[in-house]
């Protein structure tokens, strides 16, 4: 399970930046998008495979057509999941997970279903981070005893590297520039590339 998940995420990181460039030029579309901080639900204290198993148990399915999500600090999503009451329901609960040192950080929003209302979904009509977060926290609270997976709400300044968190309060584009997020779009997004400040710090330590 863990191995297949790693392969799936690796393929998405490698292919979607190129797809994004083509869509942007041809139709102004996108295959990469942001994970905004207001969508933060909580941090699961488990592995990626355990988080995905939990989501599947709760009735979520992998959202294979979702764009690849990238946070302001350059952290790339490790999975996109969606819950619909039925295949042709009007709305869906979209959940994105990001692997971090503290655990699996979970983000969510409520939106039109990409199956039933693809155009409204694309335009983000009736999109709501607040509703998605409230719903997903309620789901996690109800499932915690049954699943055995604990979770907590981590303060914003603890979810990002300290300087990225500080820069976000001044300018999100500046924070992205310092983290080299835009440069990482070229040729695929990988976890190994470091931001400008990290490279400077590494140089000074030599």
Protein backbone atom coordinates (compact mmCIF):
# COMPACT_ATOMS: atom_id res chain seq x y z
CA UNK A 1 0.00 0.00 0.00
CA UNK A 2 2.73 2.46 1.02
CA UNK A 3 4.78 1.63 -2.08
CA UNK A 4 1.85 2.04 -4.51
CA UNK A 5 0.96 5.36 -2.86
CA UNK A 6 4.54 6.61 -3.28
CA UNK A 7 4.54 5.65 -6.96
CA UNK A 8 1.18 7.33 -7.56
CA UNK A 9 2.31 10.58 -5.90
CA UNK A 10 5.68 10.51 -7.66
CA UNK A 11 4.01 10.20 -11.08
CA UNK A 12 1.67 13.10 -10.33
CA UNK A 13 4.57 15.31 -9.18
CA UNK A 14 6.49 14.53 -12.35
CA UNK A 15 3.70 14.82 -14.93
CA UNK A 16 1.34 17.53 -13.74
CA UNK A 17 3.74 20.51 -13.87
CA UNK A 18 4.12 19.88 -17.62
CA UNK A 19 0.37 19.42 -18.05
CA UNK A 20 -0.16 22.65 -16.12
CA UNK A 21 2.02 24.58 -18.57
CA UNK A 22 0.11 23.24 -21.58
CA UNK A 23 -3.32 23.93 -20.07
CA UNK A 24 -2.29 27.43 -19.02
CA UNK A 25 -1.15 28.33 -22.54
CA UNK A 26 -4.04 26.70 -24.41
CA UNK A 27 -7.10 27.46 -22.29
CA UNK A 28 -5.93 29.27 -19.16
CA UNK A 29 -6.51 26.07 -17.24
CA UNK A 30 -4.50 24.51 -14.45
CA UNK A 31 -3.16 21.20 -13.16
CA UNK A 32 -1.42 22.79 -10.16
CA UNK A 33 -3.16 24.85 -7.50
CA UNK A 34 -2.69 26.18 -3.98
CA UNK A 35 -3.53 24.61 -0.65
CA UNK A 36 -4.68 27.73 1.23
CA UNK A 37 -4.05 27.85 5.00
CA UNK A 38 -7.73 28.52 5.73
CA UNK A 39 -8.49 24.95 4.58
CA UNK A 40 -6.42 23.42 7.38
CA UNK A 41 -8.39 20.79 9.31
CA UNK A 42 -5.85 19.13 11.56
CA UNK A 43 -2.77 16.91 11.73
CA UNK A 44 -3.25 13.15 11.84
CA UNK A 45 -0.72 11.26 13.95
CA UNK A 46 -0.12 8.44 11.48
CA UNK A 47 1.57 7.49 8.21
CA UNK A 48 0.32 8.39 4.72
CA UNK A 49 -0.96 4.86 4.10
CA UNK A 50 -2.83 4.85 7.43
CA UNK A 51 -4.41 8.23 6.61
CA UNK A 52 -5.51 6.96 3.21
CA UNK A 53 -6.89 3.77 4.71
CA UNK A 54 -8.87 5.89 7.18
CA UNK A 55 -10.30 8.07 4.41
CA UNK A 56 -11.30 5.01 2.39
CA UNK A 57 -12.99 3.53 5.48
CA UNK A 58 -14.91 6.79 5.97
CA UNK A 59 -16.32 6.57 2.44
CA UNK A 60 -13.88 8.85 0.60
CA UNK A 61 -12.50 7.87 -2.79
CA UNK A 62 -9.24 8.93 -4.40
CA UNK A 63 -9.76 12.02 -6.55
CA UNK A 64 -7.53 11.14 -9.50
CA UNK A 65 -8.52 14.15 -11.62
CA UNK A 66 -7.84 16.76 -8.92
CA UNK A 67 -5.06 19.27 -9.47
CA UNK A 68 -1.79 18.79 -7.62
CA UNK A 69 -1.88 20.99 -4.52
CA UNK A 70 1.15 22.99 -3.38
CA UNK A 71 1.38 24.94 -0.12
CA UNK A 72 3.00 28.35 0.21
CA UNK A 73 6.14 26.71 1.62
CA UNK A 74 6.45 24.38 -1.36
CA UNK A 75 5.15 21.25 0.41
CA UNK A 76 3.45 19.12 -2.27
CA UNK A 77 0.25 17.21 -1.53
CA UNK A 78 0.41 13.46 -0.96
CA UNK A 79 -3.13 12.64 -1.89
CA UNK A 80 -6.49 14.07 -2.91
CA UNK A 81 -9.73 12.48 -1.73
CA UNK A 82 -13.40 13.27 -2.18
CA UNK A 83 -16.65 12.33 -0.48
CA UNK A 84 -20.03 12.50 -2.23
CA UNK A 85 -23.34 11.24 -0.88
CA UNK A 86 -23.87 9.62 -4.27
CA UNK A 87 -22.14 9.58 -7.65
CA UNK A 88 -24.32 12.39 -8.96
CA UNK A 89 -24.65 14.45 -5.77
CA UNK A 90 -24.55 18.22 -6.28
CA UNK A 91 -21.72 18.82 -3.82
CA UNK A 92 -18.57 17.13 -2.59
CA UNK A 93 -16.21 17.34 0.37
CA UNK A 94 -12.68 17.56 -1.04
CA UNK A 95 -9.82 16.56 1.26
CA UNK A 96 -6.10 17.02 0.57
CA UNK A 97 -3.32 15.54 2.68
CA UNK A 98 0.25 16.82 3.05
CA UNK A 99 2.99 14.77 4.71
CA UNK A 100 4.95 16.73 7.33
CA UNK A 101 7.35 15.93 10.16
CA UNK A 102 4.54 16.25 12.69
CA UNK A 103 2.23 13.85 10.84
CA UNK A 104 -0.29 14.05 8.02
CA UNK A 105 -1.67 17.57 7.68
CA UNK A 106 -5.22 17.50 6.38
CA UNK A 107 -7.01 20.25 4.43
CA UNK A 108 -10.60 20.38 3.20
CA UNK A 109 -13.19 22.45 1.37
CA UNK A 110 -16.82 22.09 0.30
CA UNK A 111 -17.62 22.65 -3.37
CA UNK A 112 -19.76 21.72 -6.34
CA UNK A 113 -19.18 18.16 -7.51
CA UNK A 114 -16.70 17.87 -10.37
CA UNK A 115 -18.91 15.10 -11.82
CA UNK A 116 -22.37 16.70 -11.59
CA UNK A 117 -21.34 20.35 -12.10
CA UNK A 118 -17.89 20.42 -13.75
CA UNK A 119 -18.17 24.03 -14.97
CA UNK A 120 -19.36 25.41 -11.62
CA UNK A 121 -16.70 23.31 -9.92
CA UNK A 122 -13.98 24.75 -12.18
CA UNK A 123 -15.12 28.32 -11.44
CA UNK A 124 -15.15 27.54 -7.68
CA UNK A 125 -18.72 28.70 -7.29
CA UNK A 126 -20.09 28.15 -3.78
CA UNK A 127 -16.65 26.99 -2.69
CA UNK A 128 -16.30 27.13 1.10
CA UNK A 129 -13.18 26.36 3.11
CA UNK A 130 -15.05 27.11 6.34
CA UNK A 131 -17.78 24.54 5.63
CA UNK A 132 -15.27 21.93 4.49
CA UNK A 133 -13.11 22.34 7.58
CA UNK A 134 -16.10 22.19 9.92
CA UNK A 135 -17.44 19.05 8.23
CA UNK A 136 -14.10 17.25 8.15
CA UNK A 137 -13.31 18.02 11.79
CA UNK A 138 -16.70 16.60 12.71
CA UNK A 139 -15.93 13.45 10.70
CA UNK A 140 -12.55 13.02 12.43
CA UNK A 141 -14.04 13.58 15.87
CA UNK A 142 -16.65 10.87 15.29
CA UNK A 143 -14.13 8.40 13.89
CA UNK A 144 -11.25 8.91 16.36
CA UNK A 145 -12.26 6.24 18.87
CA UNK A 146 -13.12 3.74 16.14
CA UNK A 147 -10.01 4.27 14.02
CA UNK A 148 -7.51 4.71 16.85
CA UNK A 149 -5.86 7.55 14.93
CA UNK A 150 -5.38 10.69 17.00
CA UNK A 151 -5.28 14.17 15.54
CA UNK A 152 -4.64 17.70 16.71
CA UNK A 153 -4.98 21.26 15.47
CA UNK A 154 -1.50 22.71 15.06
CA UNK A 155 -1.01 26.48 15.18
CA UNK A 156 -0.24 28.11 11.82
CA UNK A 157 3.24 29.25 12.84
CA UNK A 158 4.13 25.64 13.67
CA UNK A 159 2.93 24.24 10.33
CA UNK A 160 5.47 26.14 8.23
CA UNK A 161 9.19 26.84 8.51
CA UNK A 162 9.42 29.91 10.77
CA UNK A 163 10.62 32.32 8.09
CA UNK A 164 7.93 31.25 5.61
CA UNK A 165 5.29 31.70 8.31
CA UNK A 166 6.64 35.20 9.02
CA UNK A 167 6.84 36.17 5.34
CA UNK A 168 3.26 34.97 4.75
CA UNK A 169 2.03 37.72 7.07
CA UNK A 170 3.77 40.29 4.87
CA UNK A 171 3.36 38.85 1.38
CA UNK A 172 2.33 35.39 0.22
CA UNK A 173 3.96 35.85 -3.23
CA UNK A 174 7.21 36.78 -1.46
CA UNK A 175 6.97 33.67 0.71
CA UNK A 176 6.49 31.54 -2.40
CA UNK A 177 9.47 33.21 -4.08
CA UNK A 178 11.73 32.56 -1.09
CA UNK A 179 10.60 28.92 -0.99
CA UNK A 180 11.32 28.67 -4.74
CA UNK A 181 7.86 27.23 -5.36
CA UNK A 182 7.59 28.65 -8.88
CA UNK A 183 11.04 27.31 -9.86
CA UNK A 184 10.07 23.85 -8.65
CA UNK A 185 7.22 23.76 -11.20
CA UNK A 186 9.83 23.31 -13.92
CA UNK A 187 10.54 19.66 -14.62
CA UNK A 188 8.42 18.29 -11.79
CA UNK A 189 7.87 18.94 -8.12
CA UNK A 190 10.06 16.99 -5.72
CA UNK A 191 10.47 17.02 -1.97
CA UNK A 192 14.25 17.26 -2.15
CA UNK A 193 14.64 20.80 -3.46
CA UNK A 194 15.21 23.46 -0.80
CA UNK A 195 14.26 27.11 -0.66
CA UNK A 196 16.59 30.10 -0.91
CA UNK A 197 16.98 30.61 2.86
CA UNK A 198 17.72 26.93 3.39
CA UNK A 199 20.47 27.00 0.76
CA UNK A 200 22.01 30.14 2.30
CA UNK A 201 21.92 28.56 5.77
CA UNK A 202 23.55 25.39 4.43
CA UNK A 203 26.29 27.46 2.79
CA UNK A 204 27.00 29.40 6.00
CA UNK A 205 27.29 26.16 7.99
CA UNK A 206 30.11 24.87 5.74
